[in-house]
Amino acid sequence: MKIVRLLILLAVLVGGLVIGSLNSQPIEVSLAFWVLKTTSGIAIIASLLLGALIGGGMVMAGLVIPMYTKLRRANKAASVVAAEPAASKQPSSPFDGR
C-alpha cells in the first residue's frame, strides 16, 4: 500500500511539474484591491488545489458531519438499550412448550 501511495504522489508531482513548465506565460490575476502577478501554470495548479479544498469542505459539511452525528445518536441509543437491566426480560423456562 505504501508503494501505491508513493507512486500516486510521484505521478501528481510530475503532473504539477509538467503543467508548471508548459504554462510559463506571465499573467495578472485581479482580486478587487490586489493584483497577483504569477505564471499561468501556478495559477492553474492553485485553482485546482483551491477547488479540491472547497469541494472537500462541501462534502464534509453536507454529508460526513451529518452522518457522523446520526451515527453518534444511534450509538448512544444502542448503549441505552444495552444498559437496561436484565430484570425487565422474562425469565427463560427450561420447558420448551411441547
Protein backbone atom coordinates (compact mmCIF):
# COMPACT_ATOMS: atom_id res chain seq x y z
CA MET A 1 0.00 0.00 0.00
CA LYS A 2 2.90 2.35 0.70
CA ILE A 3 4.26 1.76 -2.79
CA VAL A 4 0.90 2.70 -4.34
CA ARG A 5 0.77 5.94 -2.32
CA LEU A 6 4.33 6.75 -3.32
CA LEU A 7 3.55 6.16 -7.00
CA ILE A 8 0.43 8.34 -6.82
CA LEU A 9 2.41 11.09 -5.09
CA LEU A 10 5.14 10.86 -7.72
CA ALA A 11 2.57 11.00 -10.56
CA VAL A 12 0.92 14.09 -9.07
CA LEU A 13 4.30 15.74 -8.59
CA VAL A 14 5.34 15.04 -12.18
CA GLY A 15 1.95 16.27 -13.42
CA GLY A 16 2.40 19.51 -11.49
CA LEU A 17 5.89 19.98 -12.87
CA VAL A 18 4.67 19.38 -16.43
CA ILE A 19 1.77 21.83 -16.02
CA GLY A 20 4.08 24.42 -14.50
CA SER A 21 6.75 24.11 -17.16
CA LEU A 22 4.41 24.06 -20.17
CA ASN A 23 2.42 27.06 -18.94
CA SER A 24 5.08 29.62 -18.13
CA GLN A 25 3.37 32.70 -19.56
CA PRO A 26 3.13 35.55 -17.04
CA ILE A 27 -0.41 36.57 -16.09
CA GLU A 28 -2.03 39.04 -13.72
CA VAL A 29 -4.96 37.99 -11.56
CA SER A 30 -7.00 40.97 -10.36
CA LEU A 31 -8.64 40.46 -6.96
CA ALA A 32 -10.62 43.67 -6.23
CA PHE A 33 -7.93 45.70 -4.40
CA TRP A 34 -4.99 43.40 -5.11
CA VAL A 35 -3.23 42.23 -8.29
CA LEU A 36 -1.40 38.90 -8.21
CA LYS A 37 1.37 38.50 -10.79
CA THR A 38 2.22 34.86 -11.46
CA THR A 39 2.62 32.32 -14.25
CA SER A 40 -0.33 30.53 -15.76
CA GLY A 41 0.97 27.13 -14.58
CA ILE A 42 1.00 28.20 -10.95
CA ALA A 43 -2.44 29.77 -11.35
CA ILE A 44 -3.80 26.51 -12.80
CA ILE A 45 -2.33 24.38 -10.01
CA ALA A 46 -3.51 26.82 -7.32
CA SER A 47 -7.04 26.89 -8.73
CA LEU A 48 -7.14 23.07 -8.86
CA LEU A 49 -5.98 22.87 -5.24
CA LEU A 50 -8.46 25.51 -4.12
CA GLY A 51 -11.28 23.72 -5.96
CA ALA A 52 -10.38 20.40 -4.33
CA LEU A 53 -10.30 22.01 -0.87
CA ILE A 54 -13.64 23.78 -1.37
CA GLY A 55 -15.21 20.60 -2.78
CA GLY A 56 -13.89 18.53 0.12
CA GLY A 57 -15.23 21.07 2.59
CA MET A 58 -18.65 20.97 0.95
CA VAL A 59 -18.70 17.16 1.13
CA MET A 60 -17.67 17.31 4.79
CA ALA A 61 -20.36 19.85 5.63
CA GLY A 62 -23.08 18.24 3.55
CA LEU A 63 -22.52 14.52 4.09
CA VAL A 64 -19.83 13.49 6.54
CA ILE A 65 -20.72 15.65 9.53
CA PRO A 66 -24.50 14.86 9.40
CA MET A 67 -23.77 11.15 9.01
CA TYR A 68 -21.32 11.25 11.92
CA THR A 69 -23.96 12.99 14.06
CA LYS A 70 -26.54 10.35 13.12
CA LEU A 71 -24.07 7.57 13.96
CA ARG A 72 -23.32 9.14 17.35
CA ARG A 73 -27.04 9.31 18.15
CA ALA A 74 -27.54 5.68 17.08
CA ASN A 75 -24.59 4.52 19.21
CA LYS A 76 -25.94 6.47 22.19
CA ALA A 77 -29.39 4.91 21.75
CA ALA A 78 -27.89 1.44 21.41
CA SER A 79 -25.86 1.86 24.59
CA VAL A 80 -29.01 2.93 26.48
CA VAL A 81 -30.88 -0.15 25.26
CA ALA A 82 -27.96 -2.43 26.16
CA ALA A 83 -27.67 -0.87 29.61
CA GLU A 84 -31.27 -1.68 30.58
CA PRO A 85 -31.40 -4.21 33.40
CA ALA A 86 -31.95 -7.83 32.52
CA ALA A 87 -34.74 -7.97 35.12
CA SER A 88 -37.19 -6.49 32.64
CA LYS A 89 -36.85 -9.58 30.49
CA GLN A 90 -38.96 -12.63 31.35
CA PRO A 91 -37.00 -15.47 32.87
CA SER A 92 -36.38 -18.28 30.44
CA SER A 93 -38.01 -21.59 31.25
CA PRO A 94 -36.45 -24.97 30.55
CA PHE A 95 -39.88 -26.06 29.29
CA ASP A 96 -39.98 -25.58 25.50
CA GLY A 97 -43.77 -25.83 25.11
CA ARG A 98 -44.15 -29.40 23.79
